Amino acid sequence: MARRIRGQLIDGWMDIVDEPVAGLDRSGAVQFASHRFREFYPGVADGEVFWECLASDPLVRWVSDCLDSTTPEVREQVMAHRPEVLWLARLDPVMGEVGRCSGWVLRLKDIQPVERLSQRRDRLFGEVRRRLRDPLAAMKSRLEVLLEGGHEDRDLTLELLRQINEDSNQLARLLFSLE
């Protein structure tokens, strides 16, 4: 593919990609950056070394350290960008035609929605555990009474079985409500 066409495709992709993305060559020079990346790092300039055209921050230092490494492997790091945004920074090596690393693609993914979802999931599981604990504990204690000889008293046995049945119905209602 001609370099001009390849460049036009990259430019088009950079215009529509929603996450902050930048391409760096092996020396750390910026080859391309999405408009979202330029919003977060307005000092980034094509052709300039990433850590030389930006103020030092955790992302800039991390990228510099990763590119100093001799092993071209995918690297990920969770970091804050501004206090309100939590990012998953990912550096993917770009392998050239002869199998050598010719550069890196840096992507930043906002993981705040994932964190909020994780917190909601944790609250839900906590609530489910709490609501399941009572009927299960009641069933267990009633079964223990039966196993310890309560089954010899017919009226007590019928009452405990009725209560166990109600506990199991309560558990079933809880499980169906989770759907």
Protein backbone atom coordinates (compact mmCIF):
# COMPACT_ATOMS: atom_id res chain seq x y z
CA MET A 1 0.00 0.00 0.00
CA ALA A 2 1.34 3.42 -0.88
CA ARG A 3 2.54 5.55 2.03
CA ARG A 4 0.15 8.34 1.02
CA ILE A 5 -2.86 6.02 1.17
CA ARG A 6 -1.65 4.45 4.42
CA GLY A 7 -1.29 7.96 5.89
CA GLN A 8 -4.78 8.94 4.74
CA LEU A 9 -6.22 5.80 6.35
CA ILE A 10 -4.46 6.53 9.63
CA ASP A 11 -5.65 10.16 9.53
CA GLY A 12 -9.22 9.01 8.88
CA TRP A 13 -9.06 6.50 11.68
CA MET A 14 -7.64 9.12 14.06
CA ASP A 15 -10.60 11.40 13.29
CA ILE A 16 -13.20 8.78 14.25
CA VAL A 17 -11.54 6.82 17.06
CA ASP A 18 -13.14 7.77 20.37
CA GLU A 19 -10.38 6.77 22.75
CA PRO A 20 -7.06 8.56 23.15
CA VAL A 21 -4.53 6.81 20.89
CA ALA A 22 -1.00 7.70 19.80
CA GLY A 23 1.58 5.96 17.65
CA LEU A 24 5.24 6.16 18.62
CA ASP A 25 8.28 4.95 16.75
CA ARG A 26 11.08 3.07 18.50
CA SER A 27 12.78 6.29 19.58
CA GLY A 28 9.56 7.56 21.16
CA ALA A 29 8.79 10.11 18.45
CA VAL A 30 5.06 10.69 17.95
CA GLN A 31 3.95 9.51 14.50
CA PHE A 32 0.21 10.11 14.95
CA ALA A 33 -2.27 10.96 17.70
CA SER A 34 -6.04 10.95 17.85
CA HIS A 35 -7.96 14.15 18.52
CA ARG A 36 -8.94 12.76 21.97
CA PHE A 37 -5.27 12.16 22.78
CA ARG A 38 -4.44 15.73 21.74
CA GLU A 39 -7.26 17.01 23.99
CA PHE A 40 -5.64 15.38 27.03
CA TYR A 41 -2.09 16.16 25.94
CA PRO A 42 -2.26 19.35 23.84
CA GLY A 43 1.54 19.63 23.79
CA VAL A 44 1.97 16.42 21.78
CA ALA A 45 3.44 17.14 18.35
CA ASP A 46 4.05 14.78 15.45
CA GLY A 47 7.72 14.00 14.96
CA GLU A 48 8.73 15.06 18.48
CA VAL A 49 9.80 12.62 21.18
CA PHE A 50 6.83 11.94 23.46
CA TRP A 51 8.53 12.71 26.78
CA GLU A 52 10.32 15.77 25.43
CA CYS A 53 7.22 17.59 24.15
CA LEU A 54 5.10 16.97 27.26
CA ALA A 55 5.37 17.85 30.91
CA SER A 56 6.41 14.93 33.06
CA ASP A 57 3.49 13.03 34.57
CA PRO A 58 2.94 9.34 35.46
CA LEU A 59 1.92 8.41 31.88
CA VAL A 60 4.87 10.17 30.27
CA ARG A 61 7.33 8.56 32.71
CA TRP A 62 5.73 5.13 32.25
CA VAL A 63 5.91 5.35 28.44
CA SER A 64 9.53 6.45 28.64
CA ASP A 65 10.40 3.53 30.94
CA CYS A 66 8.56 1.02 28.72
CA LEU A 67 10.28 2.19 25.54
CA ASP A 68 13.66 1.91 27.28
CA SER A 69 12.99 -1.81 27.70
CA THR A 70 14.55 -4.09 25.12
CA THR A 71 11.61 -6.52 25.09
CA PRO A 72 8.74 -5.59 22.79
CA GLU A 73 5.74 -6.89 24.71
CA VAL A 74 2.30 -5.59 25.53
CA ARG A 75 2.36 -3.51 28.67
CA GLU A 76 -0.56 -2.21 30.72
CA GLN A 77 -0.73 0.17 33.63
CA VAL A 78 -3.67 1.62 35.55
CA MET A 79 -3.17 5.30 36.31
CA ALA A 80 -5.08 8.43 37.14
CA HIS A 81 -5.28 11.28 34.68
CA ARG A 82 -6.65 14.18 36.59
CA PRO A 83 -8.27 13.11 39.84
CA GLU A 84 -11.59 12.17 38.26
CA VAL A 85 -10.41 9.82 35.49
CA LEU A 86 -8.88 6.39 35.95
CA TRP A 87 -7.13 5.06 32.83
CA LEU A 88 -5.86 1.74 31.66
CA ALA A 89 -2.81 2.73 29.62
CA ARG A 90 -1.75 0.07 27.12
CA LEU A 91 1.34 -0.02 24.94
CA ASP A 92 1.19 -2.51 22.06
CA PRO A 93 4.33 -3.18 20.04
CA VAL A 94 4.02 -2.87 16.28
CA MET A 95 6.08 -5.52 14.59
CA GLY A 96 7.71 -4.63 11.27
CA GLU A 97 8.06 -6.77 8.18
CA VAL A 98 11.27 -8.43 9.38
CA GLY A 99 9.86 -9.28 12.81
CA ARG A 100 11.47 -6.37 14.65
CA CYS A 101 9.57 -3.89 16.76
CA SER A 102 9.15 -0.77 14.66
CA GLY A 103 7.08 1.21 17.14
CA TRP A 104 4.29 1.29 19.65
CA VAL A 105 0.61 2.12 19.81
CA LEU A 106 -0.38 3.81 23.06
CA ARG A 107 -4.07 3.56 24.00
CA LEU A 108 -5.82 5.04 26.99
CA LYS A 109 -9.07 3.46 28.09
CA ASP A 110 -11.30 5.15 30.65
CA ILE A 111 -12.01 2.44 33.21
CA GLN A 112 -14.22 4.53 35.50
CA PRO A 113 -17.39 2.92 34.05
CA VAL A 114 -15.85 -0.50 34.75
CA GLU A 115 -15.03 0.58 38.31
CA ARG A 116 -18.60 1.82 38.86
CA LEU A 117 -19.98 -1.42 37.43
CA SER A 118 -17.65 -3.41 39.67
CA GLN A 119 -18.80 -1.46 42.72
CA ARG A 120 -22.46 -2.04 41.81
CA ARG A 121 -21.76 -5.74 41.33
CA ASP A 122 -20.07 -5.91 44.72
CA ARG A 123 -23.03 -4.17 46.37
CA LEU A 124 -25.45 -6.55 44.63
CA PHE A 125 -23.52 -9.63 45.75
CA GLY A 126 -23.33 -8.26 49.28
CA GLU A 127 -27.09 -7.75 49.30
CA VAL A 128 -27.71 -11.24 47.85
CA ARG A 129 -25.43 -12.81 50.48
CA ARG A 130 -27.21 -10.91 53.22
CA ARG A 131 -30.68 -11.87 51.98
CA LEU A 132 -29.76 -15.54 51.46
CA ARG A 133 -28.03 -15.89 54.81
CA ASP A 134 -31.21 -15.63 56.98
CA PRO A 135 -33.37 -18.29 55.27
CA LEU A 136 -30.41 -20.65 54.92
CA ALA A 137 -29.49 -20.26 58.59
CA ALA A 138 -33.11 -20.88 59.59
CA MET A 139 -33.33 -24.01 57.44
CA LYS A 140 -30.06 -25.30 58.85
CA SER A 141 -31.13 -24.83 62.47
CA ARG A 142 -34.51 -26.49 61.84
CA LEU A 143 -32.87 -29.44 60.12
CA GLU A 144 -30.45 -29.80 63.04
CA VAL A 145 -33.39 -29.96 65.45
CA LEU A 146 -34.90 -32.74 63.35
CA LEU A 147 -31.60 -34.62 63.17
CA GLU A 148 -31.07 -34.34 66.92
CA GLY A 149 -34.28 -36.19 67.69
CA GLY A 150 -36.96 -33.65 66.94
CA HIS A 151 -38.37 -36.03 64.37
CA GLU A 152 -39.76 -38.20 67.19
CA ASP A 153 -42.38 -35.53 68.01
CA ARG A 154 -44.86 -35.60 65.11
CA ASP A 155 -46.32 -32.11 65.72
CA LEU A 156 -42.85 -30.57 66.04
CA THR A 157 -41.69 -32.39 62.90
CA LEU A 158 -44.68 -31.12 60.87
CA GLU A 159 -44.16 -27.55 62.12
CA LEU A 160 -40.41 -27.64 61.31
CA LEU A 161 -41.08 -29.08 57.84
CA ARG A 162 -43.67 -26.36 57.21
CA GLN A 163 -41.13 -23.70 58.24
CA ILE A 164 -38.40 -25.30 56.08
CA ASN A 165 -40.85 -25.30 53.17
CA GLU A 166 -41.54 -21.58 53.72
CA ASP A 167 -37.77 -20.89 53.92
CA SER A 168 -37.21 -22.73 50.63
CA ASN A 169 -40.05 -20.73 49.02
CA GLN A 170 -38.43 -17.52 50.26
CA LEU A 171 -35.11 -18.64 48.72
CA ALA A 172 -36.83 -19.43 45.43
CA ARG A 173 -38.47 -15.98 45.38
CA LEU A 174 -35.10 -14.37 46.04
CA LEU A 175 -33.44 -16.30 43.23
CA PHE A 176 -36.25 -15.50 40.77
CA SER A 177 -36.03 -11.80 41.71
CA LEU A 178 -32.36 -11.82 40.66
CA GLU A 179 -33.32 -12.59 37.09
